[in-house]
Amino acid sequence: MSDFINGLLRFRRGAWEMLATILITLGVFMLMQPFWMIAFTYSFIVTLIGTVMFIIVSHFPE
């Protein structure tokens, strides 16, 4: 866990890509669930933020 936080603080690719992937997955889950309208409402923006974040952090150093 400390390696993950250390990677975030040092702007390393692995930790930030994992966070972006989690956001993309969360956004897709929010889109497909039928229970909470508020989650469905914000699903596109969460997926979009995760995708843009993944594109940006793929240029970070290893």
N, C-alpha and C. Protein backbone atom coordinates (compact mmCIF):
# COMPACT_ATOMS: atom_id res chain seq x y z
N MET A 1 0.82 -1.19 0.00
CA MET A 1 0.00 0.00 0.00
C MET A 1 0.87 1.25 0.00
N SER A 2 1.97 1.23 0.73
CA SER A 2 2.83 2.41 0.77
C SER A 2 3.51 2.63 -0.58
N ASP A 3 3.76 1.54 -1.35
CA ASP A 3 4.34 1.69 -2.69
C ASP A 3 3.36 2.40 -3.61
N PHE A 4 2.07 2.09 -3.46
CA PHE A 4 1.05 2.74 -4.28
C PHE A 4 0.99 4.23 -3.97
N ILE A 5 0.94 4.59 -2.70
CA ILE A 5 0.87 6.00 -2.30
C ILE A 5 2.16 6.71 -2.67
N ASN A 6 3.29 6.04 -2.50
CA ASN A 6 4.58 6.62 -2.88
C ASN A 6 4.61 6.87 -4.39
N GLY A 7 4.06 5.95 -5.17
CA GLY A 7 4.00 6.13 -6.62
C GLY A 7 3.12 7.29 -7.02
N LEU A 8 2.02 7.49 -6.28
CA LEU A 8 1.15 8.64 -6.56
C LEU A 8 1.85 9.95 -6.26
N LEU A 9 2.54 9.98 -5.14
CA LEU A 9 3.22 11.21 -4.74
C LEU A 9 4.40 11.56 -5.66
N ARG A 10 5.03 10.54 -6.23
CA ARG A 10 6.18 10.78 -7.12
C ARG A 10 5.79 10.81 -8.59
N PHE A 11 4.49 10.79 -8.87
CA PHE A 11 3.97 10.83 -10.24
C PHE A 11 4.57 9.73 -11.11
N ARG A 12 4.47 8.50 -10.64
CA ARG A 12 4.93 7.34 -11.40
C ARG A 12 3.76 6.75 -12.16
N ARG A 13 4.05 6.19 -13.31
CA ARG A 13 3.02 5.74 -14.23
C ARG A 13 2.14 4.64 -13.66
N GLY A 14 2.72 3.64 -13.03
CA GLY A 14 1.97 2.47 -12.59
C GLY A 14 0.83 2.79 -11.65
N ALA A 15 1.10 3.59 -10.64
CA ALA A 15 0.08 3.92 -9.64
C ALA A 15 -1.02 4.78 -10.25
N TRP A 16 -0.66 5.75 -11.05
CA TRP A 16 -1.67 6.64 -11.66
C TRP A 16 -2.50 5.91 -12.70
N GLU A 17 -1.87 5.00 -13.47
CA GLU A 17 -2.64 4.22 -14.43
C GLU A 17 -3.64 3.31 -13.73
N MET A 18 -3.25 2.76 -12.58
CA MET A 18 -4.17 1.92 -11.82
C MET A 18 -5.36 2.75 -11.32
N LEU A 19 -5.09 3.95 -10.84
CA LEU A 19 -6.16 4.82 -10.38
C LEU A 19 -7.10 5.21 -11.53
N ALA A 20 -6.53 5.51 -12.70
CA ALA A 20 -7.35 5.84 -13.87
C ALA A 20 -8.19 4.64 -14.31
N THR A 21 -7.61 3.46 -14.26
CA THR A 21 -8.34 2.25 -14.64
C THR A 21 -9.49 1.99 -13.66
N ILE A 22 -9.26 2.24 -12.40
CA ILE A 22 -10.33 2.08 -11.39
C ILE A 22 -11.46 3.07 -11.67
N LEU A 23 -11.12 4.29 -12.04
CA LEU A 23 -12.15 5.28 -12.36
C LEU A 23 -12.95 4.87 -13.59
N ILE A 24 -12.28 4.36 -14.62
CA ILE A 24 -12.99 3.90 -15.81
C ILE A 24 -13.93 2.76 -15.46
N THR A 25 -13.44 1.80 -14.69
CA THR A 25 -14.26 0.66 -14.28
C THR A 25 -15.45 1.11 -13.44
N LEU A 26 -15.21 2.03 -12.52
CA LEU A 26 -16.29 2.56 -11.69
C LEU A 26 -17.34 3.27 -12.54
N GLY A 27 -16.89 4.05 -13.53
CA GLY A 27 -17.83 4.74 -14.41
C GLY A 27 -18.68 3.78 -15.22
N VAL A 28 -18.07 2.71 -15.72
CA VAL A 28 -18.84 1.72 -16.49
C VAL A 28 -19.83 0.99 -15.58
N PHE A 29 -19.40 0.67 -14.37
CA PHE A 29 -20.32 0.04 -13.41
C PHE A 29 -21.49 0.96 -13.09
N MET A 30 -21.19 2.25 -12.89
CA MET A 30 -22.25 3.22 -12.60
C MET A 30 -23.22 3.32 -13.77
N LEU A 31 -22.73 3.17 -14.97
CA LEU A 31 -23.57 3.25 -16.16
C LEU A 31 -24.51 2.06 -16.27
N MET A 32 -24.05 0.88 -15.84
CA MET A 32 -24.83 -0.34 -16.06
C MET A 32 -25.73 -0.72 -14.89
N GLN A 33 -25.60 -0.06 -13.76
CA GLN A 33 -26.43 -0.44 -12.61
C GLN A 33 -27.81 0.20 -12.74
N PRO A 34 -28.86 -0.50 -12.32
CA PRO A 34 -30.23 0.02 -12.49
C PRO A 34 -30.84 0.66 -11.24
N PHE A 35 -30.07 0.85 -10.16
CA PHE A 35 -30.66 1.19 -8.88
C PHE A 35 -30.64 2.69 -8.56
N TRP A 36 -29.50 3.35 -8.77
CA TRP A 36 -29.36 4.74 -8.35
C TRP A 36 -29.26 5.65 -9.56
N MET A 37 -30.22 6.53 -9.70
CA MET A 37 -30.22 7.46 -10.84
C MET A 37 -29.06 8.44 -10.75
N ILE A 38 -28.67 8.82 -9.55
CA ILE A 38 -27.56 9.77 -9.39
C ILE A 38 -26.25 9.16 -9.89
N ALA A 39 -26.06 7.86 -9.66
CA ALA A 39 -24.86 7.19 -10.16
C ALA A 39 -24.89 7.13 -11.69
N PHE A 40 -26.05 6.85 -12.25
CA PHE A 40 -26.19 6.81 -13.70
C PHE A 40 -25.93 8.19 -14.29
N THR A 41 -26.38 9.22 -13.60
CA THR A 41 -26.22 10.59 -14.08
C THR A 41 -24.75 10.97 -14.21
N TYR A 42 -23.93 10.58 -13.24
CA TYR A 42 -22.52 10.96 -13.24
C TYR A 42 -21.60 9.91 -13.86
N SER A 43 -22.14 8.84 -14.40
CA SER A 43 -21.31 7.76 -14.93
C SER A 43 -20.47 8.21 -16.12
N PHE A 44 -21.03 9.01 -17.02
CA PHE A 44 -20.28 9.43 -18.19
C PHE A 44 -19.10 10.31 -17.81
N ILE A 45 -19.31 11.25 -16.90
CA ILE A 45 -18.23 12.14 -16.52
C ILE A 45 -17.12 11.39 -15.78
N VAL A 46 -17.47 10.40 -14.97
CA VAL A 46 -16.46 9.61 -14.28
C VAL A 46 -15.65 8.79 -15.28
N THR A 47 -16.32 8.19 -16.27
CA THR A 47 -15.62 7.44 -17.31
C THR A 47 -14.74 8.37 -18.14
N LEU A 48 -15.23 9.53 -18.47
CA LEU A 48 -14.46 10.49 -19.25
C LEU A 48 -13.23 10.97 -18.50
N ILE A 49 -13.38 11.29 -17.23
CA ILE A 49 -12.23 11.71 -16.42
C ILE A 49 -11.19 10.61 -16.34
N GLY A 50 -11.63 9.37 -16.12
CA GLY A 50 -10.70 8.25 -16.07
C GLY A 50 -9.98 8.04 -17.39
N THR A 51 -10.67 8.21 -18.51
CA THR A 51 -10.05 8.02 -19.82
C THR A 51 -9.03 9.11 -20.10
N VAL A 52 -9.39 10.36 -19.87
CA VAL A 52 -8.45 11.47 -20.08
C VAL A 52 -7.26 11.34 -19.14
N MET A 53 -7.53 10.95 -17.91
CA MET A 53 -6.46 10.74 -16.94
C MET A 53 -5.51 9.65 -17.41
N PHE A 54 -6.04 8.56 -17.96
CA PHE A 54 -5.20 7.48 -18.45
C PHE A 54 -4.32 7.95 -19.60
N ILE A 55 -4.87 8.74 -20.49
CA ILE A 55 -4.10 9.26 -21.62
C ILE A 55 -2.97 10.15 -21.12
N ILE A 56 -3.24 11.00 -20.14
CA ILE A 56 -2.23 11.90 -19.62
C ILE A 56 -1.15 11.15 -18.87
N VAL A 57 -1.54 10.24 -17.97
CA VAL A 57 -0.54 9.56 -17.14
C VAL A 57 0.25 8.52 -17.91
N SER A 58 -0.18 8.15 -19.09
CA SER A 58 0.62 7.21 -19.88
C SER A 58 1.93 7.86 -20.35
N HIS A 59 2.06 9.15 -20.18
CA HIS A 59 3.30 9.86 -20.51
C HIS A 59 4.19 10.07 -19.31
N PHE A 60 3.75 9.65 -18.12
CA PHE A 60 4.57 9.79 -16.92
C PHE A 60 5.73 8.79 -16.98
N PRO A 61 6.82 9.06 -16.26
CA PRO A 61 7.94 8.12 -16.23
C PRO A 61 7.60 6.86 -15.44
N GLU A 62 8.30 5.77 -15.76
CA GLU A 62 8.10 4.51 -15.04
C GLU A 62 8.57 4.74 -13.62
